[in-house]
Amino acid sequence: MKKVKGTVQQGKRIISLDLGSKMGIAWGDGNRPDGHEMVKFTGKGGFTPESFYKFYLYLNNKVKMELSSSFEDVHLVIEKPNAHMPGYAGVKVHFGMLGVALLIEGRWPRVTSHVVPALTVKKYWTGSGKAKKADMIAEAQKRGFDVTDDNEVDAIAIFMYSQEVLFKGEE
């Protein structure tokens, strides 16, 4: 930890995102996330244009809270959408949400985004880039996280990857 102007800095403020109609999110600034959850943005009609707006409001509020609680910049670390996923709907949701996240970066001067390939995160987390959802959950539970949802686990793994690999040595 380093001290700056009378406040204690633990590390980088990170919000990690596993994008999708059921999105995993983890946030914090230490070696482990301060919080994590799975959030749904779907309504009666599934994932609609209103879902993108709900995601915008949610993420904008989360960034605003993180910025107001710290003198540090906020880093959005986002799992890269897979351009080869089956079905137009999945591609539209994932890339649309990525666009919204990048819009948030443009709105707040102290926000920077980083996109990380899913295979990289899986390999870091489990040792295999081909890890299945159950493998990711089992690894999270082994590391002491109380989770059952694979989206939430992916966000935690992205958070841990960013602290231990992506930003290592930048404190």
C-alpha atoms as a PDB file:
ATOM      1  CA  MET A   1       0.000   0.000   0.000  1.00  0.00           C
ATOM      2  CA  LYS A   2       1.210   3.465  -0.728  1.00  0.00           C
ATOM      3  CA  LYS A   3       0.142   6.674   0.920  1.00  0.00           C
ATOM      4  CA  VAL A   4      -0.892   9.681  -1.142  1.00  0.00           C
ATOM      5  CA  LYS A   5      -1.863  13.092   0.290  1.00  0.00           C
ATOM      6  CA  GLY A   6      -3.005  11.716   3.646  1.00  0.00           C
ATOM      7  CA  THR A   7      -5.127   8.903   2.206  1.00  0.00           C
ATOM      8  CA  VAL A   8      -4.261   5.248   1.878  1.00  0.00           C
ATOM      9  CA  GLN A   9      -4.251   3.756  -1.589  1.00  0.00           C
ATOM     10  CA  GLN A  10      -4.675  -0.014  -1.772  1.00  0.00           C
ATOM     11  CA  GLY A  11      -4.421  -0.533  -5.502  1.00  0.00           C
ATOM     12  CA  LYS A  12      -6.366   0.239  -8.632  1.00  0.00           C
ATOM     13  CA  ARG A  13     -10.142   0.708  -8.434  1.00  0.00           C
ATOM     14  CA  ILE A  14     -11.477  -2.005 -10.682  1.00  0.00           C
ATOM     15  CA  ILE A  15     -14.899  -2.880 -11.996  1.00  0.00           C
ATOM     16  CA  SER A  16     -14.742  -6.172 -13.874  1.00  0.00           C
ATOM     17  CA  LEU A  17     -17.532  -7.181 -16.223  1.00  0.00           C
ATOM     18  CA  ASP A  18     -18.636 -10.468 -17.746  1.00  0.00           C
ATOM     19  CA  LEU A  19     -21.079  -9.068 -20.297  1.00  0.00           C
ATOM     20  CA  GLY A  20     -24.366 -10.730 -21.188  1.00  0.00           C
ATOM     21  CA  SER A  21     -28.095 -10.669 -20.517  1.00  0.00           C
ATOM     22  CA  LYS A  22     -27.052 -12.092 -17.132  1.00  0.00           C
ATOM     23  CA  MET A  23     -23.959 -10.020 -16.345  1.00  0.00           C
ATOM     24  CA  GLY A  24     -21.332 -10.826 -13.745  1.00  0.00           C
ATOM     25  CA  ILE A  25     -19.696  -7.870 -12.019  1.00  0.00           C
ATOM     26  CA  ALA A  26     -17.000  -7.550  -9.367  1.00  0.00           C
ATOM     27  CA  TRP A  27     -15.521  -4.348  -7.922  1.00  0.00           C
ATOM     28  CA  GLY A  28     -12.935  -3.093  -5.479  1.00  0.00           C
ATOM     29  CA  ASP A  29      -9.305  -2.149  -5.107  1.00  0.00           C
ATOM     30  CA  GLY A  30      -7.623  -4.864  -3.062  1.00  0.00           C
ATOM     31  CA  ASN A  31      -6.280  -8.319  -3.797  1.00  0.00           C
ATOM     32  CA  ARG A  32      -9.862  -9.626  -3.743  1.00  0.00           C
ATOM     33  CA  PRO A  33     -13.042  -7.855  -4.835  1.00  0.00           C
ATOM     34  CA  ASP A  34     -14.976  -5.840  -2.239  1.00  0.00           C
ATOM     35  CA  GLY A  35     -18.198  -7.075  -3.822  1.00  0.00           C
ATOM     36  CA  HIS A  36     -19.560  -9.177  -6.660  1.00  0.00           C
ATOM     37  CA  GLU A  37     -22.932 -10.120  -8.073  1.00  0.00           C
ATOM     38  CA  MET A  38     -24.908 -11.264 -11.080  1.00  0.00           C
ATOM     39  CA  VAL A  39     -27.338  -8.735 -12.562  1.00  0.00           C
ATOM     40  CA  LYS A  40     -30.079  -9.353 -15.161  1.00  0.00           C
ATOM     41  CA  PHE A  41     -31.089  -6.654 -17.612  1.00  0.00           C
ATOM     42  CA  THR A  42     -33.863  -8.609 -19.334  1.00  0.00           C
ATOM     43  CA  GLY A  43     -37.573  -7.941 -19.075  1.00  0.00           C
ATOM     44  CA  LYS A  44     -40.708  -9.668 -20.310  1.00  0.00           C
ATOM     45  CA  GLY A  45     -39.548  -9.349 -23.907  1.00  0.00           C
ATOM     46  CA  GLY A  46     -36.080 -10.735 -23.237  1.00  0.00           C
ATOM     47  CA  PHE A  47     -33.110  -8.475 -23.947  1.00  0.00           C
ATOM     48  CA  THR A  48     -34.581  -5.342 -25.534  1.00  0.00           C
ATOM     49  CA  PRO A  49     -33.277  -1.858 -26.331  1.00  0.00           C
ATOM     50  CA  GLU A  50     -34.502  -0.859 -22.845  1.00  0.00           C
ATOM     51  CA  SER A  51     -32.093  -3.463 -21.440  1.00  0.00           C
ATOM     52  CA  PHE A  52     -29.155  -1.490 -22.837  1.00  0.00           C
ATOM     53  CA  TYR A  53     -30.489   1.629 -21.118  1.00  0.00           C
ATOM     54  CA  LYS A  54     -30.876  -0.236 -17.813  1.00  0.00           C
ATOM     55  CA  PHE A  55     -27.289  -1.473 -18.169  1.00  0.00           C
ATOM     56  CA  TYR A  56     -26.117   2.092 -18.882  1.00  0.00           C
ATOM     57  CA  LEU A  57     -27.858   3.427 -15.756  1.00  0.00           C
ATOM     58  CA  TYR A  58     -26.532   0.576 -13.597  1.00  0.00           C
ATOM     59  CA  LEU A  59     -22.918   0.856 -14.784  1.00  0.00           C
ATOM     60  CA  ASN A  60     -22.927   4.660 -14.736  1.00  0.00           C
ATOM     61  CA  ASN A  61     -24.139   4.589 -11.111  1.00  0.00           C
ATOM     62  CA  LYS A  62     -21.538   1.962 -10.151  1.00  0.00           C
ATOM     63  CA  VAL A  63     -18.731   4.038 -11.711  1.00  0.00           C
ATOM     64  CA  LYS A  64     -20.033   7.202 -10.039  1.00  0.00           C
ATOM     65  CA  MET A  65     -20.000   5.457  -6.633  1.00  0.00           C
ATOM     66  CA  GLU A  66     -16.479   4.105  -7.166  1.00  0.00           C
ATOM     67  CA  LEU A  67     -15.169   7.514  -8.261  1.00  0.00           C
ATOM     68  CA  SER A  68     -16.774   9.290  -5.301  1.00  0.00           C
ATOM     69  CA  SER A  69     -15.334   6.810  -2.790  1.00  0.00           C
ATOM     70  CA  SER A  70     -11.722   7.184  -3.920  1.00  0.00           C
ATOM     71  CA  PHE A  71      -9.111   9.536  -5.319  1.00  0.00           C
ATOM     72  CA  GLU A  72      -8.118   6.789  -7.723  1.00  0.00           C
ATOM     73  CA  ASP A  73      -9.099   6.291 -11.329  1.00  0.00           C
ATOM     74  CA  VAL A  74     -11.514   3.497 -12.156  1.00  0.00           C
ATOM     75  CA  HIS A  75     -10.542   0.740 -14.582  1.00  0.00           C
ATOM     76  CA  LEU A  76     -13.296  -1.175 -16.352  1.00  0.00           C
ATOM     77  CA  VAL A  77     -11.882  -4.608 -17.154  1.00  0.00           C
ATOM     78  CA  ILE A  78     -14.200  -6.328 -19.595  1.00  0.00           C
ATOM     79  CA  GLU A  79     -14.241  -9.855 -20.959  1.00  0.00           C
ATOM     80  CA  LYS A  80     -13.894  -9.573 -24.740  1.00  0.00           C
ATOM     81  CA  PRO A  81     -17.075 -10.640 -26.530  1.00  0.00           C
ATOM     82  CA  ASN A  82     -16.678 -13.669 -28.773  1.00  0.00           C
ATOM     83  CA  ALA A  83     -17.387 -12.621 -32.361  1.00  0.00           C
ATOM     84  CA  HIS A  84     -17.929 -16.287 -33.281  1.00  0.00           C
ATOM     85  CA  MET A  85     -20.701 -16.990 -30.774  1.00  0.00           C
ATOM     86  CA  PRO A  86     -23.745 -18.690 -32.273  1.00  0.00           C
ATOM     87  CA  GLY A  87     -26.765 -16.540 -33.016  1.00  0.00           C
ATOM     88  CA  TYR A  88     -27.191 -12.914 -33.888  1.00  0.00           C
ATOM     89  CA  ALA A  89     -28.962 -12.136 -30.596  1.00  0.00           C
ATOM     90  CA  GLY A  90     -25.948 -13.109 -28.468  1.00  0.00           C
ATOM     91  CA  VAL A  91     -23.566 -11.099 -30.620  1.00  0.00           C
ATOM     92  CA  LYS A  92     -25.899  -8.074 -30.482  1.00  0.00           C
ATOM     93  CA  VAL A  93     -26.175  -8.255 -26.681  1.00  0.00           C
ATOM     94  CA  HIS A  94     -22.452  -8.693 -26.005  1.00  0.00           C
ATOM     95  CA  PHE A  95     -21.163  -6.111 -28.480  1.00  0.00           C
ATOM     96  CA  GLY A  96     -23.966  -3.686 -27.596  1.00  0.00           C
ATOM     97  CA  MET A  97     -23.028  -3.918 -23.925  1.00  0.00           C
ATOM     98  CA  LEU A  98     -19.360  -3.402 -24.823  1.00  0.00           C
ATOM     99  CA  GLY A  99     -20.402  -0.234 -26.663  1.00  0.00           C
ATOM    100  CA  VAL A 100     -22.292   0.979 -23.586  1.00  0.00           C
ATOM    101  CA  ALA A 101     -19.251   0.304 -21.368  1.00  0.00           C
ATOM    102  CA  LEU A 102     -17.054   2.281 -23.765  1.00  0.00           C
ATOM    103  CA  LEU A 103     -19.627   5.087 -23.684  1.00  0.00           C
ATOM    104  CA  ILE A 104     -19.245   5.173 -19.880  1.00  0.00           C
ATOM    105  CA  GLU A 105     -15.474   5.447 -20.340  1.00  0.00           C
ATOM    106  CA  GLY A 106     -16.020   8.453 -22.604  1.00  0.00           C
ATOM    107  CA  ARG A 107     -18.372  10.078 -20.100  1.00  0.00           C
ATOM    108  CA  TRP A 108     -15.987   9.997 -17.116  1.00  0.00           C
ATOM    109  CA  PRO A 109     -12.431  11.385 -17.579  1.00  0.00           C
ATOM    110  CA  ARG A 110     -11.034   9.169 -14.769  1.00  0.00           C
ATOM    111  CA  VAL A 111     -12.323   5.916 -16.297  1.00  0.00           C
ATOM    112  CA  THR A 112     -10.274   3.660 -18.566  1.00  0.00           C
ATOM    113  CA  SER A 113     -11.390   0.383 -20.107  1.00  0.00           C
ATOM    114  CA  HIS A 114      -9.383  -2.750 -20.810  1.00  0.00           C
ATOM    115  CA  VAL A 115     -10.671  -5.720 -22.807  1.00  0.00           C
ATOM    116  CA  VAL A 116      -9.348  -9.189 -21.942  1.00  0.00           C
ATOM    117  CA  PRO A 117      -9.966 -12.398 -23.955  1.00  0.00           C
ATOM    118  CA  ALA A 118     -12.043 -15.047 -22.181  1.00  0.00           C
ATOM    119  CA  LEU A 119      -9.500 -17.780 -22.971  1.00  0.00           C
ATOM    120  CA  THR A 120      -6.780 -15.752 -21.238  1.00  0.00           C
ATOM    121  CA  VAL A 121      -8.895 -15.398 -18.097  1.00  0.00           C
ATOM    122  CA  LYS A 122      -9.878 -19.101 -18.107  1.00  0.00           C
ATOM    123  CA  LYS A 123      -6.257 -20.185 -18.469  1.00  0.00           C
ATOM    124  CA  TYR A 124      -5.175 -17.855 -15.659  1.00  0.00           C
ATOM    125  CA  TRP A 125      -8.031 -19.011 -13.374  1.00  0.00           C
ATOM    126  CA  THR A 126      -7.999 -22.781 -13.969  1.00  0.00           C
ATOM    127  CA  GLY A 127      -4.842 -23.508 -15.948  1.00  0.00           C
ATOM    128  CA  SER A 128      -6.870 -24.347 -19.055  1.00  0.00           C
ATOM    129  CA  GLY A 129      -8.227 -22.001 -21.713  1.00  0.00           C
ATOM    130  CA  LYS A 130     -10.911 -24.620 -22.382  1.00  0.00           C
ATOM    131  CA  ALA A 131     -12.323 -24.609 -18.830  1.00  0.00           C
ATOM    132  CA  LYS A 132     -16.059 -25.235 -18.570  1.00  0.00           C
ATOM    133  CA  LYS A 133     -18.483 -23.250 -16.395  1.00  0.00           C
ATOM    134  CA  ALA A 134     -18.379 -25.924 -13.691  1.00  0.00           C
ATOM    135  CA  ASP A 135     -14.549 -25.749 -13.633  1.00  0.00           C
ATOM    136  CA  MET A 136     -14.658 -21.976 -13.166  1.00  0.00           C
ATOM    137  CA  ILE A 137     -17.187 -22.266 -10.322  1.00  0.00           C
ATOM    138  CA  ALA A 138     -15.196 -25.045  -8.627  1.00  0.00           C
ATOM    139  CA  GLU A 139     -12.022 -22.939  -8.768  1.00  0.00           C
ATOM    140  CA  ALA A 140     -13.822 -19.931  -7.270  1.00  0.00           C
ATOM    141  CA  GLN A 141     -15.156 -22.063  -4.420  1.00  0.00           C
ATOM    142  CA  LYS A 142     -11.679 -23.526  -3.884  1.00  0.00           C
ATOM    143  CA  ARG A 143     -10.371 -19.954  -3.552  1.00  0.00           C
ATOM    144  CA  GLY A 144     -12.974 -19.184  -0.890  1.00  0.00           C
ATOM    145  CA  PHE A 145     -15.639 -17.342  -2.896  1.00  0.00           C
ATOM    146  CA  ASP A 146     -19.278 -18.080  -2.058  1.00  0.00           C
ATOM    147  CA  VAL A 147     -20.753 -18.296  -5.569  1.00  0.00           C
ATOM    148  CA  THR A 148     -22.895 -20.551  -7.733  1.00  0.00           C
ATOM    149  CA  ASP A 149     -23.442 -18.397 -10.831  1.00  0.00           C
ATOM    150  CA  ASP A 150     -20.864 -18.733 -13.633  1.00  0.00           C
ATOM    151  CA  ASN A 151     -21.295 -15.093 -14.731  1.00  0.00           C
ATOM    152  CA  GLU A 152     -20.391 -13.842 -11.265  1.00  0.00           C
ATOM    153  CA  VAL A 153     -17.421 -16.245 -11.181  1.00  0.00           C
ATOM    154  CA  ASP A 154     -16.177 -14.943 -14.526  1.00  0.00           C
ATOM    155  CA  ALA A 155     -16.292 -11.369 -13.177  1.00  0.00           C
ATOM    156  CA  ILE A 156     -14.322 -12.430 -10.082  1.00  0.00           C
ATOM    157  CA  ALA A 157     -11.756 -14.222 -12.245  1.00  0.00           C
ATOM    158  CA  ILE A 158     -11.424 -11.123 -14.456  1.00  0.00           C
ATOM    159  CA  PHE A 159     -10.952  -8.978 -11.340  1.00  0.00           C
ATOM    160  CA  MET A 160      -8.277 -11.287  -9.927  1.00  0.00           C
ATOM    161  CA  TYR A 161      -6.538 -11.514 -13.323  1.00  0.00           C
ATOM    162  CA  SER A 162      -6.427  -7.733 -13.589  1.00  0.00           C
ATOM    163  CA  GLN A 163      -4.909  -7.313 -10.107  1.00  0.00           C
ATOM    164  CA  GLU A 164      -2.417 -10.206 -10.356  1.00  0.00           C
ATOM    165  CA  VAL A 165      -1.431 -10.011 -14.038  1.00  0.00           C
ATOM    166  CA  LEU A 166      -2.739  -6.997 -15.964  1.00  0.00           C
ATOM    167  CA  PHE A 167      -1.792  -4.338 -13.371  1.00  0.00           C
ATOM    168  CA  LYS A 168       0.918  -6.192 -11.481  1.00  0.00           C
ATOM    169  CA  GLY A 169       3.698  -3.861 -10.412  1.00  0.00           C
ATOM    170  CA  GLU A 170       1.808  -0.646 -11.285  1.00  0.00           C
ATOM    171  CA  GLU A 171       1.043   0.387  -7.693  1.00  0.00           C
END
